[in-house]
PDB file of all heavy atoms in Angstrom:
ATOM      1  N   HIS A   1      31.603  -0.328  14.224  1.00  0.00           N
ATOM      2  CA  HIS A   1      31.631  -1.773  14.001  1.00  0.00           C
ATOM      3  C   HIS A   1      31.670  -2.617  15.275  1.00  0.00           C
ATOM      4  O   HIS A   1      31.025  -3.641  15.400  1.00  0.00           O
ATOM      5  CB  HIS A   1      32.915  -2.104  13.142  1.00  0.00           C
ATOM      6  CG  HIS A   1      32.781  -1.672  11.720  1.00  0.00           C
ATOM      7  ND1 HIS A   1      33.872  -1.700  10.867  1.00  0.00           N
ATOM      8  CD2 HIS A   1      31.729  -1.090  11.001  1.00  0.00           C
ATOM      9  CE1 HIS A   1      33.467  -1.225   9.698  1.00  0.00           C
ATOM     10  NE2 HIS A   1      32.166  -0.892   9.754  1.00  0.00           N
ATOM     11  N   GLN A   2      32.378  -2.065  16.301  1.00  0.00           N
ATOM     12  CA  GLN A   2      32.419  -2.721  17.576  1.00  0.00           C
ATOM     13  C   GLN A   2      31.007  -2.695  18.248  1.00  0.00           C
ATOM     14  O   GLN A   2      30.570  -3.719  18.840  1.00  0.00           O
ATOM     15  CB  GLN A   2      33.411  -2.061  18.545  1.00  0.00           C
ATOM     16  CG  GLN A   2      34.892  -2.254  18.153  1.00  0.00           C
ATOM     17  CD  GLN A   2      35.770  -1.312  18.911  1.00  0.00           C
ATOM     18  OE1 GLN A   2      35.420  -0.761  19.864  1.00  0.00           O
ATOM     19  NE2 GLN A   2      36.932  -1.111  18.377  1.00  0.00           N
ATOM     20  N   GLN A   3      30.292  -1.585  18.051  1.00  0.00           N
ATOM     21  CA  GLN A   3      29.026  -1.514  18.643  1.00  0.00           C
ATOM     22  C   GLN A   3      28.044  -2.472  18.005  1.00  0.00           C
ATOM     23  O   GLN A   3      27.389  -3.209  18.760  1.00  0.00           O
ATOM     24  CB  GLN A   3      28.444  -0.065  18.415  1.00  0.00           C
ATOM     25  CG  GLN A   3      27.011   0.073  18.970  1.00  0.00           C
ATOM     26  CD  GLN A   3      26.397   1.403  18.557  1.00  0.00           C
ATOM     27  OE1 GLN A   3      26.954   2.076  17.716  1.00  0.00           O
ATOM     28  NE2 GLN A   3      25.260   1.663  19.123  1.00  0.00           N
ATOM     29  N   ILE A   4      27.983  -2.533  16.673  1.00  0.00           N
ATOM     30  CA  ILE A   4      27.004  -3.433  16.087  1.00  0.00           C
ATOM     31  C   ILE A   4      27.427  -4.906  16.249  1.00  0.00           C
ATOM     32  O   ILE A   4      26.534  -5.772  16.365  1.00  0.00           O
ATOM     33  CB  ILE A   4      26.780  -3.060  14.592  1.00  0.00           C
ATOM     34  CG1 ILE A   4      28.042  -3.238  13.757  1.00  0.00           C
ATOM     35  CG2 ILE A   4      26.211  -1.690  14.444  1.00  0.00           C
ATOM     36  CD1 ILE A   4      27.887  -3.050  12.259  1.00  0.00           C
ATOM     37  N   ALA A   5      28.740  -5.200  16.295  1.00  0.00           N
ATOM     38  CA  ALA A   5      29.119  -6.540  16.513  1.00  0.00           C
ATOM     39  C   ALA A   5      28.860  -7.035  17.899  1.00  0.00           C
ATOM     40  O   ALA A   5      28.417  -8.226  18.059  1.00  0.00           O
ATOM     41  CB  ALA A   5      30.709  -6.655  16.269  1.00  0.00           C
ATOM     42  N   GLY A   6      28.915  -6.145  18.861  1.00  0.00           N
ATOM     43  CA  GLY A   6      28.640  -6.601  20.245  1.00  0.00           C
ATOM     44  C   GLY A   6      27.195  -6.253  20.671  1.00  0.00           C
ATOM     45  O   GLY A   6      26.777  -6.495  21.794  1.00  0.00           O
ATOM     46  N   ASP A   7      26.377  -5.716  19.713  1.00  0.00           N
ATOM     47  CA  ASP A   7      24.969  -5.367  19.970  1.00  0.00           C
ATOM     48  C   ASP A   7      24.895  -4.418  21.198  1.00  0.00           C
ATOM     49  O   ASP A   7      24.036  -4.513  22.064  1.00  0.00           O
ATOM     50  CB  ASP A   7      24.144  -6.610  20.213  1.00  0.00           C
ATOM     51  CG  ASP A   7      22.653  -6.352  19.796  1.00  0.00           C
ATOM     52  OD1 ASP A   7      22.421  -5.459  19.078  1.00  0.00           O
ATOM     53  OD2 ASP A   7      21.841  -7.104  20.350  1.00  0.00           O
ATOM     54  N   HIS A   8      25.769  -3.422  21.267  1.00  0.00           N
ATOM     55  CA  HIS A   8      25.837  -2.442  22.302  1.00  0.00           C
ATOM     56  C   HIS A   8      24.799  -1.338  22.056  1.00  0.00           C
ATOM     57  O   HIS A   8      24.541  -1.054  20.869  1.00  0.00           O
ATOM     58  CB  HIS A   8      27.168  -1.851  22.447  1.00  0.00           C
ATOM     59  CG  HIS A   8      28.266  -2.850  22.806  1.00  0.00           C
ATOM     60  ND1 HIS A   8      28.272  -3.585  23.953  1.00  0.00           N
ATOM     61  CD2 HIS A   8      29.374  -3.197  22.119  1.00  0.00           C
ATOM     62  CE1 HIS A   8      29.339  -4.377  23.981  1.00  0.00           C
ATOM     63  NE2 HIS A   8      29.991  -4.177  22.889  1.00  0.00           N
ATOM     64  N   PRO A   9      24.313  -0.701  23.057  1.00  0.00           N
ATOM     65  CA  PRO A   9      23.409   0.442  22.901  1.00  0.00           C
ATOM     66  C   PRO A   9      24.157   1.673  22.421  1.00  0.00           C
ATOM     67  O   PRO A   9      25.416   1.773  22.505  1.00  0.00           O
ATOM     68  CB  PRO A   9      22.805   0.680  24.286  1.00  0.00           C
ATOM     69  CG  PRO A   9      23.846   0.184  25.230  1.00  0.00           C
ATOM     70  CD  PRO A   9      24.515  -1.013  24.487  1.00  0.00           C
ATOM     71  N   TYR A  10      23.393   2.665  21.975  1.00  0.00           N
ATOM     72  CA  TYR A  10      23.932   3.974  21.539  1.00  0.00           C
ATOM     73  C   TYR A  10      24.853   4.573  22.535  1.00  0.00           C
ATOM     74  O   TYR A  10      25.882   5.093  22.272  1.00  0.00           O
ATOM     75  CB  TYR A  10      22.834   4.876  21.148  1.00  0.00           C
ATOM     76  CG  TYR A  10      23.266   6.311  20.985  1.00  0.00           C
ATOM     77  CD1 TYR A  10      23.838   6.751  19.764  1.00  0.00           C
ATOM     78  CD2 TYR A  10      23.081   7.255  22.002  1.00  0.00           C
ATOM     79  CE1 TYR A  10      24.265   8.085  19.612  1.00  0.00           C
ATOM     80  CE2 TYR A  10      23.456   8.586  21.853  1.00  0.00           C
ATOM     81  CZ  TYR A  10      24.037   8.981  20.700  1.00  0.00           C
ATOM     82  OH  TYR A  10      24.420  10.278  20.520  1.00  0.00           O
ATOM     83  N   GLU A  11      24.456   4.498  23.822  1.00  0.00           N
ATOM     84  CA  GLU A  11      25.177   5.125  24.953  1.00  0.00           C
ATOM     85  C   GLU A  11      26.623   4.559  25.046  1.00  0.00           C
ATOM     86  O   GLU A  11      27.518   5.296  25.425  1.00  0.00           O
ATOM     87  CB  GLU A  11      24.417   4.982  26.226  1.00  0.00           C
ATOM     88  CG  GLU A  11      23.135   5.754  26.341  1.00  0.00           C
ATOM     89  CD  GLU A  11      21.984   5.144  25.554  1.00  0.00           C
ATOM     90  OE1 GLU A  11      22.080   3.991  25.169  1.00  0.00           O
ATOM     91  OE2 GLU A  11      21.049   5.881  25.289  1.00  0.00           O
ATOM     92  N   TRP A  12      26.735   3.262  24.781  1.00  0.00           N
ATOM     93  CA  TRP A  12      28.067   2.647  24.818  1.00  0.00           C
ATOM     94  C   TRP A  12      28.960   3.247  23.811  1.00  0.00           C
ATOM     95  O   TRP A  12      30.089   3.646  24.099  1.00  0.00           O
ATOM     96  CB  TRP A  12      27.894   1.190  24.554  1.00  0.00           C
ATOM     97  CG  TRP A  12      29.258   0.363  24.525  1.00  0.00           C
ATOM     98  CD1 TRP A  12      29.790  -0.302  25.559  1.00  0.00           C
ATOM     99  CD2 TRP A  12      30.140   0.170  23.376  1.00  0.00           C
ATOM    100  NE1 TRP A  12      30.953  -0.834  25.180  1.00  0.00           N
ATOM    101  CE2 TRP A  12      31.194  -0.601  23.839  1.00  0.00           C
ATOM    102  CE3 TRP A  12      30.054   0.612  22.077  1.00  0.00           C
ATOM    103  CZ2 TRP A  12      32.251  -0.923  22.970  1.00  0.00           C
ATOM    104  CZ3 TRP A  12      31.095   0.231  21.221  1.00  0.00           C
ATOM    105  CH2 TRP A  12      32.160  -0.549  21.693  1.00  0.00           C
ATOM    106  N   ALA A  13      28.480   3.431  22.562  1.00  0.00           N
ATOM    107  CA  ALA A  13      29.271   4.040  21.483  1.00  0.00           C
ATOM    108  C   ALA A  13      29.548   5.471  21.812  1.00  0.00           C
ATOM    109  O   ALA A  13      30.699   5.968  21.534  1.00  0.00           O
ATOM    110  CB  ALA A  13      28.523   3.875  20.175  1.00  0.00           C
ATOM    111  N   GLU A  14      28.630   6.210  22.358  1.00  0.00           N
ATOM    112  CA  GLU A  14      28.831   7.588  22.678  1.00  0.00           C
ATOM    113  C   GLU A  14      29.934   7.822  23.633  1.00  0.00           C
ATOM    114  O   GLU A  14      30.894   8.559  23.401  1.00  0.00           O
ATOM    115  CB  GLU A  14      27.556   8.197  23.316  1.00  0.00           C
ATOM    116  CG  GLU A  14      27.667   9.659  23.717  1.00  0.00           C
ATOM    117  CD  GLU A  14      26.454  10.226  24.326  1.00  0.00           C
ATOM    118  OE1 GLU A  14      25.452   9.399  24.558  1.00  0.00           O
ATOM    119  OE2 GLU A  14      26.394  11.422  24.553  1.00  0.00           O
ATOM    120  N   GLN A  15      29.986   7.012  24.721  1.00  0.00           N
ATOM    121  CA  GLN A  15      31.033   7.160  25.703  1.00  0.00           C
ATOM    122  C   GLN A  15      32.440   6.759  25.164  1.00  0.00           C
ATOM    123  O   GLN A  15      33.428   7.320  25.440  1.00  0.00           O
ATOM    124  CB  GLN A  15      30.655   6.313  26.968  1.00  0.00           C
ATOM    125  CG  GLN A  15      29.557   6.865  27.773  1.00  0.00           C
ATOM    126  CD  GLN A  15      29.790   8.328  28.154  1.00  0.00           C
ATOM    127  OE1 GLN A  15      30.869   8.664  28.632  1.00  0.00           O
ATOM    128  NE2 GLN A  15      28.784   9.193  27.950  1.00  0.00           N
ATOM    129  N   ARG A  16      32.414   5.715  24.316  1.00  0.00           N
ATOM    130  CA  ARG A  16      33.641   5.216  23.739  1.00  0.00           C
ATOM    131  C   ARG A  16      34.245   6.267  22.767  1.00  0.00           C
ATOM    132  O   ARG A  16      35.427   6.538  22.778  1.00  0.00           O
ATOM    133  CB  ARG A  16      33.437   3.858  23.019  1.00  0.00           C
ATOM    134  CG  ARG A  16      34.713   3.109  22.709  1.00  0.00           C
ATOM    135  CD  ARG A  16      34.338   1.717  22.294  1.00  0.00           C
ATOM    136  NE  ARG A  16      35.558   0.906  22.115  1.00  0.00           N
ATOM    137  CZ  ARG A  16      36.193   0.265  23.017  1.00  0.00           C
ATOM    138  NH1 ARG A  16      35.768   0.302  24.255  1.00  0.00           N
ATOM    139  NH2 ARG A  16      37.265  -0.442  22.715  1.00  0.00           N
ATOM    140  N   LEU A  17      33.378   6.905  22.034  1.00  0.00           N
ATOM    141  CA  LEU A  17      33.805   7.998  21.118  1.00  0.00           C
ATOM    142  C   LEU A  17      34.377   9.179  21.911  1.00  0.00           C
ATOM    143  O   LEU A  17      35.374   9.742  21.537  1.00  0.00           O
ATOM    144  CB  LEU A  17      32.671   8.463  20.243  1.00  0.00           C
ATOM    145  CG  LEU A  17      32.412   7.613  18.984  1.00  0.00           C
ATOM    146  CD1 LEU A  17      31.195   8.219  18.227  1.00  0.00           C
ATOM    147  CD2 LEU A  17      33.657   7.651  18.068  1.00  0.00           C
ATOM    148  N   ARG A  18      33.629   9.533  22.970  1.00  0.00           N
ATOM    149  CA  ARG A  18      34.136  10.655  23.796  1.00  0.00           C
ATOM    150  C   ARG A  18      35.543  10.464  24.334  1.00  0.00           C
ATOM    151  O   ARG A  18      36.407  11.325  24.259  1.00  0.00           O
ATOM    152  CB  ARG A  18      33.180  10.993  24.895  1.00  0.00           C
ATOM    153  CG  ARG A  18      31.852  11.508  24.477  1.00  0.00           C
ATOM    154  CD  ARG A  18      30.947  11.936  25.647  1.00  0.00           C
ATOM    155  NE  ARG A  18      29.605  12.308  25.211  1.00  0.00           N
ATOM    156  CZ  ARG A  18      29.304  13.469  24.644  1.00  0.00           C
ATOM    157  NH1 ARG A  18      30.198  14.397  24.426  1.00  0.00           N
ATOM    158  NH2 ARG A  18      28.008  13.721  24.285  1.00  0.00           N
ATOM    159  N   ARG A  19      35.768   9.234  24.865  1.00  0.00           N
ATOM    160  CA  ARG A  19      37.103   8.940  25.407  1.00  0.00           C
ATOM    161  C   ARG A  19      38.202   8.945  24.296  1.00  0.00           C
ATOM    162  O   ARG A  19      39.273   9.492  24.446  1.00  0.00           O
ATOM    163  CB  ARG A  19      37.061   7.602  26.157  1.00  0.00           C
ATOM    164  CG  ARG A  19      36.274   7.693  27.428  1.00  0.00           C
ATOM    165  CD  ARG A  19      36.547   6.456  28.317  1.00  0.00           C
ATOM    166  NE  ARG A  19      36.153   5.232  27.674  1.00  0.00           N
ATOM    167  CZ  ARG A  19      34.952   4.649  27.734  1.00  0.00           C
ATOM    168  NH1 ARG A  19      33.956   5.184  28.437  1.00  0.00           N
ATOM    169  NH2 ARG A  19      34.728   3.539  27.124  1.00  0.00           N
ATOM    170  N   ALA A  20      37.823   8.246  23.159  1.00  0.00           N
ATOM    171  CA  ALA A  20      38.832   8.068  22.103  1.00  0.00           C
ATOM    172  C   ALA A  20      39.145   9.383  21.405  1.00  0.00           C
ATOM    173  O   ALA A  20      40.281   9.695  21.108  1.00  0.00           O
ATOM    174  CB  ALA A  20      38.317   7.086  21.114  1.00  0.00           C
ATOM    175  N   VAL A  21      38.157  10.231  21.207  1.00  0.00           N
ATOM    176  CA  VAL A  21      38.373  11.500  20.550  1.00  0.00           C
ATOM    177  C   VAL A  21      39.178  12.403  21.429  1.00  0.00           C
ATOM    178  O   VAL A  21      40.039  13.200  20.978  1.00  0.00           O
ATOM    179  CB  VAL A  21      37.031  12.177  20.147  1.00  0.00           C
ATOM    180  CG1 VAL A  21      37.195  13.609  19.715  1.00  0.00           C
ATOM    181  CG2 VAL A  21      36.397  11.372  18.959  1.00  0.00           C
ATOM    182  N   ARG A  22      38.934  12.354  22.735  1.00  0.00           N
ATOM    183  CA  ARG A  22      39.755  13.191  23.672  1.00  0.00           C
ATOM    184  C   ARG A  22      41.248  12.830  23.514  1.00  0.00           C
ATOM    185  O   ARG A  22      42.094  13.693  23.478  1.00  0.00           O
ATOM    186  CB  ARG A  22      39.359  12.965  25.110  1.00  0.00           C
ATOM    187  CG  ARG A  22      40.215  13.612  26.135  1.00  0.00           C
ATOM    188  CD  ARG A  22      40.385  15.142  25.874  1.00  0.00           C
ATOM    189  NE  ARG A  22      39.151  15.849  26.022  1.00  0.00           N
ATOM    190  CZ  ARG A  22      38.937  17.132  25.627  1.00  0.00           C
ATOM    191  NH1 ARG A  22      39.892  17.665  24.943  1.00  0.00           N
ATOM    192  NH2 ARG A  22      37.740  17.692  25.816  1.00  0.00           N
ATOM    193  N   VAL A  23      41.566  11.551  23.399  1.00  0.00           N
ATOM    194  CA  VAL A  23      42.945  11.119  23.274  1.00  0.00           C
ATOM    195  C   VAL A  23      43.483  11.587  21.944  1.00  0.00           C
ATOM    196  O   VAL A  23      44.639  12.196  21.877  1.00  0.00           O
ATOM    197  CB  VAL A  23      43.076   9.609  23.330  1.00  0.00           C
ATOM    198  CG1 VAL A  23      44.459   9.123  22.923  1.00  0.00           C
ATOM    199  CG2 VAL A  23      42.733   9.038  24.713  1.00  0.00           C
ATOM    200  N   ALA A  24      42.699  11.509  20.891  1.00  0.00           N
ATOM    201  CA  ALA A  24      43.140  11.962  19.554  1.00  0.00           C
ATOM    202  C   ALA A  24      43.359  13.474  19.542  1.00  0.00           C
ATOM    203  O   ALA A  24      44.349  13.998  19.022  1.00  0.00           O
ATOM    204  CB  ALA A  24      42.165  11.533  18.504  1.00  0.00           C
ATOM    205  N   VAL A  25      42.400  14.217  20.063  1.00  0.00           N
ATOM    206  CA  VAL A  25      42.403  15.647  20.009  1.00  0.00           C
ATOM    207  C   VAL A  25      43.471  16.283  20.852  1.00  0.00           C
ATOM    208  O   VAL A  25      44.034  17.359  20.501  1.00  0.00           O
ATOM    209  CB  VAL A  25      41.007  16.276  20.290  1.00  0.00           C
ATOM    210  CG1 VAL A  25      41.086  17.798  20.492  1.00  0.00           C
ATOM    211  CG2 VAL A  25      40.036  15.934  19.222  1.00  0.00           C
ATOM    212  N   ASP A  26      43.899  15.642  21.875  1.00  0.00           N
ATOM    213  CA  ASP A  26      45.026  16.182  22.749  1.00  0.00           C
ATOM    214  C   ASP A  26      46.230  16.355  21.913  1.00  0.00           C
ATOM    215  O   ASP A  26      47.033  17.276  22.178  1.00  0.00           O
ATOM    216  CB  ASP A  26      45.245  15.263  23.898  1.00  0.00           C
ATOM    217  CG  ASP A  26      44.335  15.520  25.080  1.00  0.00           C
ATOM    218  OD1 ASP A  26      43.609  16.521  25.058  1.00  0.00           O
ATOM    219  OD2 ASP A  26      44.277  14.656  25.997  1.00  0.00           O
ATOM    220  N   GLY A  27      46.347  15.597  20.865  1.00  0.00           N
ATOM    221  CA  GLY A  27      47.530  15.770  19.944  1.00  0.00           C
ATOM    222  C   GLY A  27      47.328  16.831  18.906  1.00  0.00           C
ATOM    223  O   GLY A  27      48.217  17.170  18.159  1.00  0.00           O
ATOM    224  N   LEU A  28      46.063  17.336  18.777  1.00  0.00           N
ATOM    225  CA  LEU A  28      45.787  18.325  17.785  1.00  0.00           C
ATOM    226  C   LEU A  28      45.744  19.759  18.308  1.00  0.00           C
ATOM    227  O   LEU A  28      45.896  20.694  17.625  1.00  0.00           O
ATOM    228  CB  LEU A  28      44.384  18.092  17.141  1.00  0.00           C
ATOM    229  CG  LEU A  28      44.154  16.674  16.503  1.00  0.00           C
ATOM    230  CD1 LEU A  28      42.732  16.677  15.945  1.00  0.00           C
ATOM    231  CD2 LEU A  28      45.144  16.463  15.342  1.00  0.00           C
ATOM    232  N   LEU A  29      45.598  19.817  19.610  1.00  0.00           N
ATOM    233  CA  LEU A  29      45.479  21.168  20.249  1.00  0.00           C
ATOM    234  C   LEU A  29      46.766  21.950  20.251  1.00  0.00           C
ATOM    235  O   LEU A  29      47.809  21.370  20.318  1.00  0.00           O
ATOM    236  CB  LEU A  29      44.963  21.011  21.755  1.00  0.00           C
ATOM    237  CG  LEU A  29      43.565  20.497  21.933  1.00  0.00           C
ATOM    238  CD1 LEU A  29      43.456  20.126  23.488  1.00  0.00           C
ATOM    239  CD2 LEU A  29      42.610  21.520  21.589  1.00  0.00           C
ATOM    240  N   PRO A  30      46.626  23.250  20.088  1.00  0.00           N
ATOM    241  CA  PRO A  30      47.849  24.117  20.307  1.00  0.00           C
ATOM    242  C   PRO A  30      48.403  23.873  21.655  1.00  0.00           C
ATOM    243  O   PRO A  30      47.665  23.598  22.570  1.00  0.00           O
ATOM    244  CB  PRO A  30      47.271  25.534  20.129  1.00  0.00           C
ATOM    245  CG  PRO A  30      46.001  25.392  19.393  1.00  0.00           C
ATOM    246  CD  PRO A  30      45.452  24.079  19.768  1.00  0.00           C
ATOM    247  N   THR A  31      49.698  23.990  21.801  1.00  0.00           N
ATOM    248  CA  THR A  31      50.374  23.675  23.093  1.00  0.00           C
ATOM    249  C   THR A  31      49.721  24.366  24.254  1.00  0.00           C
ATOM    250  O   THR A  31      49.513  23.802  25.317  1.00  0.00           O
ATOM    251  CB  THR A  31      51.853  23.996  22.981  1.00  0.00           C
ATOM    252  OG1 THR A  31      52.411  23.335  21.866  1.00  0.00           O
ATOM    253  CG2 THR A  31      52.609  23.594  24.285  1.00  0.00           C
ATOM    254  N   ALA A  32      49.433  25.651  24.108  1.00  0.00           N
ATOM    255  CA  ALA A  32      48.892  26.504  25.154  1.00  0.00           C
ATOM    256  C   ALA A  32      47.559  25.995  25.651  1.00  0.00           C
ATOM    257  O   ALA A  32      47.087  26.309  26.762  1.00  0.00           O
ATOM    258  CB  ALA A  32      48.801  27.972  24.758  1.00  0.00           C
ATOM    259  N   ALA A  33      46.786  25.258  24.787  1.00  0.00           N
ATOM    260  CA  ALA A  33      45.455  24.897  25.159  1.00  0.00           C
ATOM    261  C   ALA A  33      45.383  23.562  25.860  1.00  0.00           C
ATOM    262  O   ALA A  33      44.315  23.259  26.442  1.00  0.00           O
ATOM    263  CB  ALA A  33      44.593  24.762  23.850  1.00  0.00           C
TER     264      ALA A  33
END
């Protein structure tokens, strides 16, 4: 929704997803990982 509202290119959304998912997944990983 942010991408289409701001008329951003695909690359913008790709980088934003990569950063956001890393933050989310850090809480899903087993402690040792």
